[in-house]
Protein backbone atom coordinates (compact mmCIF):
# COMPACT_ATOMS: atom_id res chain seq x y z
CA MET A 1 80.07 -63.91 -61.62
CA SER A 2 80.43 -60.73 -60.39
CA THR A 3 80.64 -57.71 -62.52
CA ASN A 4 84.29 -55.33 -61.02
CA VAL A 5 82.32 -51.94 -61.48
CA ASP A 6 85.80 -50.38 -61.15
CA GLU A 7 86.54 -49.22 -64.34
CA TYR A 8 83.08 -47.59 -64.78
CA LYS A 9 81.63 -44.76 -63.44
CA ASN A 10 79.15 -45.52 -60.50
CA TYR A 11 75.83 -43.21 -59.69
CA LEU A 12 74.88 -44.11 -56.91
CA GLU A 13 76.12 -40.94 -55.17
CA ILE A 14 74.68 -39.04 -58.03
CA PHE A 15 71.67 -41.33 -57.46
CA LYS A 16 71.11 -40.62 -53.45
CA THR A 17 71.94 -37.02 -54.17
CA PHE A 18 68.44 -37.20 -56.10
CA THR A 19 66.28 -38.90 -54.11
CA GLN A 20 68.27 -38.66 -50.45
CA MET A 21 66.83 -41.96 -50.36
CA GLU A 22 68.36 -44.11 -47.36
CA ASN A 23 66.85 -47.26 -47.83
CA ILE A 24 69.29 -48.24 -50.16
CA GLU A 25 72.45 -49.32 -48.29
CA ASP A 26 73.19 -52.55 -49.46
CA LEU A 27 73.55 -51.53 -52.97
CA GLU A 28 76.80 -50.63 -53.90
CA ALA A 29 77.23 -49.23 -58.10
CA ILE A 30 74.46 -48.19 -60.32
CA PHE A 31 76.66 -47.91 -63.82
CA THR A 32 76.72 -48.52 -67.31
CA LYS A 33 79.40 -51.03 -69.89
CA ASN A 34 76.86 -48.97 -72.33
CA PRO A 35 78.79 -45.51 -74.34
CA ASN A 36 75.27 -44.27 -74.98
CA CYS A 37 73.72 -44.81 -71.77
CA GLU A 38 76.75 -42.13 -70.82
CA ALA A 39 74.91 -38.88 -71.64
CA ASN A 40 71.21 -39.37 -70.56
CA MET A 41 72.55 -41.45 -66.95
CA GLU A 42 71.65 -38.73 -64.77
CA LYS A 43 68.55 -38.21 -66.91
CA LEU A 44 67.56 -41.63 -65.45
CA MET A 45 68.59 -41.17 -61.59
CA LYS A 46 65.77 -38.37 -61.97
CA THR A 47 63.12 -40.61 -64.09
CA PRO A 48 60.34 -41.37 -61.31
CA LYS A 49 59.95 -45.29 -62.64
CA PHE A 50 63.03 -45.70 -61.80
CA VAL A 51 62.91 -44.02 -58.40
CA GLU A 52 59.69 -45.88 -57.71
CA HIS A 53 61.31 -49.54 -58.60
CA ILE A 54 63.95 -49.10 -56.50
CA LYS A 55 61.94 -47.73 -53.55
CA THR A 56 58.79 -49.79 -54.04
CA MET A 57 61.48 -53.07 -53.59
CA ASP A 58 60.90 -55.28 -50.68
CA HIS A 59 64.34 -54.50 -49.03
CA LYS A 60 63.60 -56.11 -45.95
CA ASN A 61 63.66 -59.41 -48.04
CA LEU A 62 65.65 -58.80 -51.05
CA LYS A 63 69.34 -57.30 -50.82
CA LEU A 64 69.77 -55.64 -54.35
CA THR A 65 73.28 -54.83 -54.83
CA LYS A 66 74.38 -53.77 -58.24
CA ILE A 67 72.09 -51.95 -60.72
CA GLU A 68 73.72 -52.29 -64.46
CA VAL A 69 71.38 -50.10 -67.04
CA ARG A 70 72.17 -51.86 -70.55
CA ASP A 71 70.55 -49.50 -72.75
CA ILE A 72 68.49 -46.08 -72.01
CA TYR A 73 65.31 -45.57 -75.41
CA MET A 74 64.95 -41.87 -75.75
CA PHE A 75 61.71 -41.04 -77.14
CA GLY A 76 62.73 -37.10 -78.03
CA PRO A 77 64.58 -35.45 -75.19
CA ASN A 78 62.87 -37.90 -72.64
CA ILE A 79 63.25 -41.16 -71.45
CA GLY A 80 60.97 -43.98 -73.65
CA PHE A 81 62.32 -47.12 -72.19
CA ALA A 82 65.85 -48.29 -69.94
CA LEU A 83 66.60 -51.93 -69.67
CA ILE A 84 68.66 -53.11 -66.34
CA ASN A 85 70.24 -55.74 -65.18
CA ASN A 86 69.61 -55.72 -61.01
CA THR A 87 72.15 -57.62 -59.08
CA ILE A 88 69.56 -59.10 -56.37
CA TYR A 89 69.45 -61.89 -53.75
CA ASN A 90 66.53 -63.45 -51.50
CA ARG A 91 68.51 -62.10 -47.84
CA LYS A 92 66.87 -65.68 -46.11
CA SER A 93 68.63 -68.17 -48.70
CA ASN A 94 70.95 -65.93 -50.54
CA LEU A 95 70.25 -66.83 -54.12
CA LEU A 96 70.42 -65.02 -56.66
CA LEU A 97 67.11 -63.85 -58.39
CA PRO A 98 66.69 -62.73 -61.53
CA GLY A 99 67.12 -59.44 -62.49
CA ALA A 100 65.90 -58.21 -65.47
CA VAL A 101 64.41 -55.02 -65.60
CA PHE A 102 62.55 -52.98 -68.26
CA ILE A 103 61.61 -50.05 -67.33
CA ARG A 104 58.96 -47.80 -69.15
CA GLY A 105 56.60 -44.83 -68.37
CA GLY A 106 52.62 -44.81 -68.18
CA ALA A 107 51.75 -47.32 -70.80
CA VAL A 108 48.03 -48.91 -71.42
CA ALA A 109 47.80 -51.92 -72.76
CA ILE A 110 44.57 -54.25 -73.88
CA LEU A 111 44.10 -58.25 -74.31
CA VAL A 112 41.63 -58.27 -76.38
CA ILE A 113 39.66 -62.22 -76.28
CA VAL A 114 37.65 -62.96 -79.64
CA VAL A 115 34.74 -65.58 -78.52
CA CYS A 116 33.21 -67.28 -82.08
CA GLU A 117 31.19 -70.33 -81.47
CA GLY A 118 31.75 -70.67 -77.88
CA ARG A 119 35.79 -70.47 -78.50
CA LYS A 120 38.19 -68.49 -77.62
């Protein structure tokens, strides 16, 4: 199902201006349907994790066409988390791929494995 972004503000030009990225020629729109995100969209465009997400994507094999920002969670004046849905296709097969992305700042995760009597 195609999303009509004409009725929503497209932040793509703002993003291109902030990052001067040239390798996103297939990207048609960065938008949100969430009015609560509007105040923080430009801040998201400047967030290193968001920029890195797009820069490190395999643009040779993947075709990113749209980014919908579903929600932005603020930690005070800073972006804590962003929930994003990408419209992305495999260039060879033209199949739509899963595109849910959860962007967050630097964090540490620890996996604890407890061994008790030889069992994990």
